[in-house]
Amino acid sequence: QLRLVESGGGVVPPGGSLRLTCTAPGHKFGINKVSWYRQAPGKEREFVASIMYSNGTPEYKASIEHRTTISRDPGQTTVWLVMNVMEPADTGTYYCSVGTFWGQGTQVTVSA
């Protein structure tokens, strides 16, 4: 069983930035792909970004790639998601995922 923990959510003004963190207490991510998804109220969960832990290869949702960065630490314990120039449409619960495992999510609200 892999427990994933997200943190870093909160209220951000439009145009602001946020860094979200995903950890797996007691585990290392190893060669897995670690992904971020988000779900806005009343909408389906959607892919945001992912990173191959073995080589750092990222993938992004095309429409937000220009203002999003996913990265990992060499110690295999943490993945970060940085989003810049945030918009109200970025509001939602952000989830970290590895395979079939999901975290509980962290709430992000973009509001003045």
Protein backbone atom coordinates (compact mmCIF):
# COMPACT_ATOMS: atom_id res chain seq x y z
CA GLN A 1 0.00 0.00 0.00
CA LEU A 2 1.39 3.37 -1.00
CA ARG A 3 0.21 6.46 0.86
CA LEU A 4 0.53 9.73 -1.00
CA VAL A 5 0.37 13.08 0.74
CA GLU A 6 -0.22 16.37 -1.03
CA SER A 7 0.42 19.76 0.50
CA GLY A 8 0.81 23.38 -0.47
CA GLY A 9 -2.72 24.26 -1.46
CA GLY A 10 -4.44 27.46 -0.44
CA VAL A 11 -5.90 30.69 -1.75
CA VAL A 12 -3.95 32.40 -4.51
CA PRO A 13 -4.79 35.72 -6.21
CA PRO A 14 -5.17 35.70 -9.99
CA GLY A 15 -1.74 35.97 -11.54
CA GLY A 16 -0.09 34.43 -8.52
CA SER A 17 1.96 31.27 -8.16
CA LEU A 18 1.72 28.14 -6.10
CA ARG A 19 3.95 25.17 -5.37
CA LEU A 20 2.35 21.87 -4.51
CA THR A 21 4.25 18.98 -2.95
CA CYS A 22 3.67 15.24 -3.16
CA THR A 23 5.41 12.82 -0.85
CA ALA A 24 5.10 9.13 -0.07
CA PRO A 25 6.02 8.77 3.61
CA GLY A 26 8.21 5.77 4.22
CA HIS A 27 8.63 5.07 0.51
CA LYS A 28 10.69 6.19 -2.42
CA PHE A 29 9.16 6.83 -5.80
CA GLY A 30 11.78 4.71 -7.53
CA ILE A 31 11.16 4.34 -11.25
CA ASN A 32 7.48 5.16 -11.11
CA LYS A 33 5.62 7.86 -12.97
CA VAL A 34 4.19 10.41 -10.57
CA SER A 35 1.23 12.40 -11.82
CA TRP A 36 -0.83 15.38 -10.78
CA TYR A 37 -4.52 15.63 -11.53
CA ARG A 38 -7.09 18.20 -10.55
CA GLN A 39 -10.84 18.31 -10.18
CA ALA A 40 -12.89 21.46 -10.27
CA PRO A 41 -16.31 21.57 -8.64
CA GLY A 42 -18.85 19.86 -10.85
CA LYS A 43 -16.25 18.72 -13.36
CA GLU A 44 -14.35 15.54 -14.08
CA ARG A 45 -10.86 14.95 -12.81
CA GLU A 46 -8.27 16.00 -15.39
CA PHE A 47 -4.59 15.42 -15.98
CA VAL A 48 -2.24 18.28 -15.12
CA ALA A 49 1.30 16.94 -15.33
CA SER A 50 3.46 13.89 -14.75
CA ILE A 51 7.10 13.03 -14.37
CA MET A 52 9.03 9.82 -14.89
CA TYR A 53 11.02 9.51 -11.71
CA SER A 54 13.78 7.47 -13.35
CA ASN A 55 14.80 10.11 -15.87
CA GLY A 56 12.80 13.22 -15.04
CA THR A 57 10.85 13.27 -18.31
CA PRO A 58 7.82 15.52 -17.84
CA GLU A 59 4.45 15.64 -19.53
CA TYR A 60 1.94 18.47 -19.25
CA LYS A 61 -1.62 19.32 -20.05
CA ALA A 62 -1.08 21.23 -23.25
CA SER A 63 -3.08 24.31 -22.37
CA ILE A 64 -1.12 25.05 -19.19
CA GLU A 65 2.32 23.77 -20.12
CA HIS A 66 3.73 27.26 -20.59
CA ARG A 67 3.09 28.13 -16.93
CA THR A 68 3.56 24.79 -15.21
CA THR A 69 6.66 22.96 -14.01
CA ILE A 70 6.87 19.50 -12.48
CA SER A 71 10.09 18.38 -10.84
CA ARG A 72 11.45 15.77 -8.45
CA ASP A 73 14.14 15.52 -5.84
CA PRO A 74 17.11 13.16 -6.36
CA GLY A 75 16.30 11.47 -3.08
CA GLN A 76 13.17 9.99 -4.68
CA THR A 77 10.88 11.23 -1.95
CA THR A 78 9.27 14.38 -3.30
CA VAL A 79 7.60 15.69 -6.42
CA TRP A 80 6.73 19.36 -6.84
CA LEU A 81 4.23 21.07 -9.09
CA VAL A 82 4.66 24.79 -9.66
CA MET A 83 1.97 26.78 -11.39
CA ASN A 84 2.41 30.42 -12.36
CA VAL A 85 0.06 33.13 -13.60
CA MET A 86 -2.79 31.27 -12.02
CA GLU A 87 -6.37 31.81 -13.15
CA PRO A 88 -9.74 31.18 -11.50
CA ALA A 89 -10.08 28.18 -13.84
CA ASP A 90 -7.19 26.58 -11.95
CA THR A 91 -9.37 26.31 -8.86
CA GLY A 92 -9.94 22.77 -7.70
CA THR A 93 -8.63 19.89 -5.67
CA TYR A 94 -5.20 18.74 -6.79
CA TYR A 95 -4.29 15.08 -6.46
CA CYS A 96 -1.02 13.20 -6.64
CA SER A 97 -1.14 9.75 -8.21
CA VAL A 98 1.20 6.79 -8.69
CA GLY A 99 -0.30 3.87 -10.56
CA THR A 100 -3.59 3.05 -8.85
CA PHE A 101 -2.73 4.98 -5.72
CA TRP A 102 -4.12 8.44 -5.01
CA GLY A 103 -3.61 11.00 -2.32
CA GLN A 104 -6.41 12.80 -0.51
CA GLY A 105 -5.84 15.99 -2.46
CA THR A 106 -5.06 19.58 -1.59
CA GLN A 107 -7.48 22.41 -2.29
CA VAL A 108 -6.41 25.30 -4.49
CA THR A 109 -8.58 28.38 -4.84
CA VAL A 110 -7.67 31.20 -7.20
CA SER A 111 -9.54 34.27 -6.09
CA ALA A 112 -8.91 37.96 -5.54
